[in-house]
Protein backbone atom coordinates (compact mmCIF):
# COMPACT_ATOMS: atom_id res chain seq x y z
CA UNK A 1 3.67 -13.64 -16.57
CA UNK A 2 5.50 -15.54 -13.89
CA UNK A 3 7.53 -14.62 -10.84
CA UNK A 4 11.30 -15.00 -11.00
CA UNK A 5 11.07 -18.10 -8.79
CA UNK A 6 8.38 -20.64 -7.97
CA UNK A 7 7.11 -21.23 -4.42
CA UNK A 8 8.65 -24.17 -2.58
CA UNK A 9 6.89 -27.49 -3.10
CA UNK A 10 6.80 -28.14 0.64
CA UNK A 11 5.62 -25.45 3.04
CA UNK A 12 5.52 -25.83 6.81
CA UNK A 13 2.07 -26.32 8.35
CA UNK A 14 2.28 -23.00 10.24
CA UNK A 15 3.04 -21.06 7.05
CA UNK A 16 0.37 -23.02 5.13
CA UNK A 17 -2.15 -21.84 7.73
CA UNK A 18 -1.04 -18.22 7.31
CA UNK A 19 -1.21 -18.50 3.53
CA UNK A 20 -4.66 -20.05 3.77
CA UNK A 21 -5.87 -17.15 5.93
CA UNK A 22 -4.42 -14.52 3.56
CA UNK A 23 -5.99 -16.23 0.56
CA UNK A 24 -9.31 -16.62 2.35
CA UNK A 25 -9.33 -12.89 3.23
CA UNK A 26 -8.29 -11.73 -0.26
CA UNK A 27 -10.04 -14.35 -2.35
CA UNK A 28 -6.87 -14.65 -4.47
CA UNK A 29 -3.81 -16.86 -4.67
CA UNK A 30 -1.24 -14.84 -2.72
CA UNK A 31 1.97 -15.60 -4.55
CA UNK A 32 4.05 -13.24 -2.36
CA UNK A 33 3.15 -15.25 0.75
CA UNK A 34 3.85 -18.53 -1.02
CA UNK A 35 7.25 -17.42 -2.33
CA UNK A 36 8.24 -15.99 1.06
CA UNK A 37 7.87 -19.54 2.40
CA UNK A 38 11.40 -20.12 1.08
CA UNK A 39 12.55 -18.09 4.10
CA UNK A 40 10.08 -18.60 6.96
CA UNK A 41 11.42 -15.68 9.05
CA UNK A 42 10.64 -13.29 6.17
CA UNK A 43 7.22 -14.89 5.74
CA UNK A 44 6.33 -14.55 9.43
CA UNK A 45 7.70 -11.01 9.69
CA UNK A 46 5.89 -9.90 6.54
CA UNK A 47 2.70 -11.56 7.70
CA UNK A 48 2.88 -9.80 11.06
CA UNK A 49 3.49 -6.47 9.34
CA UNK A 50 0.51 -7.00 7.04
CA UNK A 51 -1.80 -8.12 9.86
CA UNK A 52 -1.19 -4.86 11.71
CA UNK A 53 -1.95 -2.48 8.83
CA UNK A 54 -4.22 0.42 9.77
CA UNK A 55 -7.59 0.46 8.03
CA UNK A 56 -9.33 3.05 10.19
CA UNK A 57 -8.14 5.05 13.14
CA UNK A 58 -9.93 8.11 14.45
CA UNK A 59 -10.12 10.77 11.75
CA UNK A 60 -8.00 8.60 9.44
CA UNK A 61 -10.86 6.70 7.87
CA UNK A 62 -10.73 3.90 5.30
CA UNK A 63 -10.91 6.34 2.40
CA UNK A 64 -7.92 8.37 3.63
CA UNK A 65 -5.79 5.28 4.17
CA UNK A 66 -6.83 3.81 0.81
CA UNK A 67 -5.74 7.08 -0.84
CA UNK A 68 -2.38 6.83 0.93
CA UNK A 69 -1.91 3.19 -0.12
CA UNK A 70 -2.88 3.98 -3.71
CA UNK A 71 -0.60 7.04 -3.86
CA UNK A 72 2.35 5.04 -2.53
CA UNK A 73 1.60 2.19 -4.96
CA UNK A 74 1.59 4.52 -7.96
CA UNK A 75 4.70 6.34 -6.71
CA UNK A 76 6.53 3.02 -6.35
CA UNK A 77 5.27 1.93 -9.80
CA UNK A 78 4.44 -1.53 -8.45
CA UNK A 79 1.83 -3.31 -10.64
CA UNK A 80 0.94 -5.82 -7.90
CA UNK A 81 0.55 -3.04 -5.31
CA UNK A 82 -1.51 -0.87 -7.64
CA UNK A 83 -3.76 -3.86 -8.42
CA UNK A 84 -4.24 -4.82 -4.76
CA UNK A 85 -4.42 -1.36 -3.20
CA UNK A 86 -6.76 0.05 -5.84
CA UNK A 87 -9.19 -2.84 -5.49
CA UNK A 88 -12.73 -1.64 -4.73
CA UNK A 89 -11.65 2.00 -4.49
CA UNK A 90 -15.07 3.00 -5.81
CA UNK A 91 -16.70 1.62 -2.67
CA UNK A 92 -14.87 4.32 -0.70
CA UNK A 93 -16.02 7.07 -3.03
CA UNK A 94 -12.73 7.38 -4.90
CA UNK A 95 -13.71 8.51 -8.37
CA UNK A 96 -12.02 8.51 -11.77
CA UNK A 97 -10.73 12.10 -11.46
CA UNK A 98 -9.19 11.23 -8.11
CA UNK A 99 -7.50 8.13 -9.56
CA UNK A 100 -6.01 10.26 -12.35
CA UNK A 101 -4.59 12.60 -9.71
CA UNK A 102 -3.23 9.67 -7.68
CA UNK A 103 -1.50 8.44 -10.84
CA UNK A 104 0.06 11.87 -11.27
CA UNK A 105 -1.95 12.54 -14.45
CA UNK A 106 -3.82 15.49 -12.90
CA UNK A 107 -2.87 18.01 -10.24
CA UNK A 108 -4.19 17.27 -6.75
CA UNK A 109 -5.27 20.91 -6.44
CA UNK A 110 -7.53 20.52 -9.50
CA UNK A 111 -9.61 17.74 -7.93
CA UNK A 112 -12.25 19.46 -5.79
CA UNK A 113 -13.39 16.24 -4.12
CA UNK A 114 -10.13 15.87 -2.20
CA UNK A 115 -10.14 17.52 1.21
CA UNK A 116 -7.10 19.52 2.28
CA UNK A 117 -6.12 16.71 4.65
CA UNK A 118 -6.42 14.15 1.85
CA UNK A 119 -4.24 16.27 -0.45
CA UNK A 120 -1.59 16.55 2.25
CA UNK A 121 -1.74 12.83 3.07
CA UNK A 122 -1.34 11.94 -0.62
CA UNK A 123 1.58 14.35 -1.00
CA UNK A 124 3.16 12.87 2.15
CA UNK A 125 2.76 9.31 0.80
CA UNK A 126 4.46 10.39 -2.42
CA UNK A 127 7.35 11.95 -0.51
CA UNK A 128 7.73 8.83 1.64
CA UNK A 129 7.92 6.82 -1.60
CA UNK A 130 10.70 8.86 -3.22
CA UNK A 131 14.38 8.18 -3.18
CA UNK A 132 16.09 10.02 -1.65
CA UNK A 133 13.63 11.09 1.01
CA UNK A 134 13.38 14.87 1.19
CA UNK A 135 10.90 16.79 3.30
CA UNK A 136 10.77 20.56 2.98
CA UNK A 137 10.30 22.24 6.39
CA UNK A 138 7.27 24.18 5.07
CA UNK A 139 5.59 20.92 4.04
CA UNK A 140 6.29 19.33 7.43
CA UNK A 141 4.80 22.41 9.11
CA UNK A 142 1.63 21.90 7.02
CA UNK A 143 1.47 18.22 7.91
CA UNK A 144 1.95 18.97 11.61
CA UNK A 145 -0.77 21.62 11.57
CA UNK A 146 -3.26 19.19 9.97
CA UNK A 147 -2.38 15.87 11.60
CA UNK A 148 -1.52 14.95 15.17
CA UNK A 149 1.52 12.86 16.05
CA UNK A 150 -0.37 9.55 16.02
CA UNK A 151 -1.87 10.33 12.63
CA UNK A 152 1.55 11.22 11.22
CA UNK A 153 2.93 7.87 12.37
CA UNK A 154 -0.02 6.03 10.82
CA UNK A 155 0.35 7.91 7.52
CA UNK A 156 4.12 7.36 7.37
CA UNK A 157 3.95 3.69 8.37
CA UNK A 158 1.11 3.00 5.89
CA UNK A 159 3.10 4.51 3.01
CA UNK A 160 6.29 2.79 4.17
CA UNK A 161 4.50 -0.56 4.36
CA UNK A 162 3.36 -0.22 0.74
CA UNK A 163 6.95 0.61 -0.19
CA UNK A 164 8.23 -2.46 1.65
CA UNK A 165 5.86 -4.68 -0.31
CA UNK A 166 6.57 -2.86 -3.59
CA UNK A 167 10.31 -3.42 -3.28
CA UNK A 168 9.95 -7.04 -2.19
CA UNK A 169 7.34 -7.97 -4.80
CA UNK A 170 9.22 -6.31 -7.64
CA UNK A 171 12.53 -7.87 -6.52
CA UNK A 172 10.89 -11.28 -6.84
CA UNK A 173 9.13 -10.48 -10.14
CA UNK A 174 5.67 -11.22 -8.74
CA UNK A 175 2.90 -10.23 -11.17
CA UNK A 176 -0.45 -8.67 -10.17
CA UNK A 177 -2.89 -11.06 -8.48
CA UNK A 178 -5.93 -10.03 -10.53
CA UNK A 179 -7.77 -7.89 -7.99
CA UNK A 180 -8.80 -5.50 -10.77
CA UNK A 181 -10.32 -8.22 -12.94
């Protein structure tokens, strides 16, 4: 499987450095970064966005944010995103029953290992990933009673970032990078 377009043959030294860093960190050829080199402003902007992703912040630990990224990836139906954002989920204690629920193949309420905050964060990520965006006032009241303002911004921006990448990657036909292999 190939992307719709190939990366440019010549890439500026600054972008080559950024691509090298992303590939060093991930251990994979990062085709999205390479293809974005066709338009350096998009490459730099996307790289800046990715470099600022939250991985842990206060009570929003790595597991919570991984759940949000996975939920948004499944909601967006992006094979690349699912592959990348599900990578090493077991290391954060995300089990098979939880993955089924994230995929929408089991009800969140039927997975006892999810905390109430995790269930709400997953539901929020799913809502952020839908078109059109619709937030019932009762749901927002639940979110606000379980998360502070900073946490809400982190949850929303994390889900939105996955959606940005999902739309961009799918629009360019970029296949999964093999994180799950």
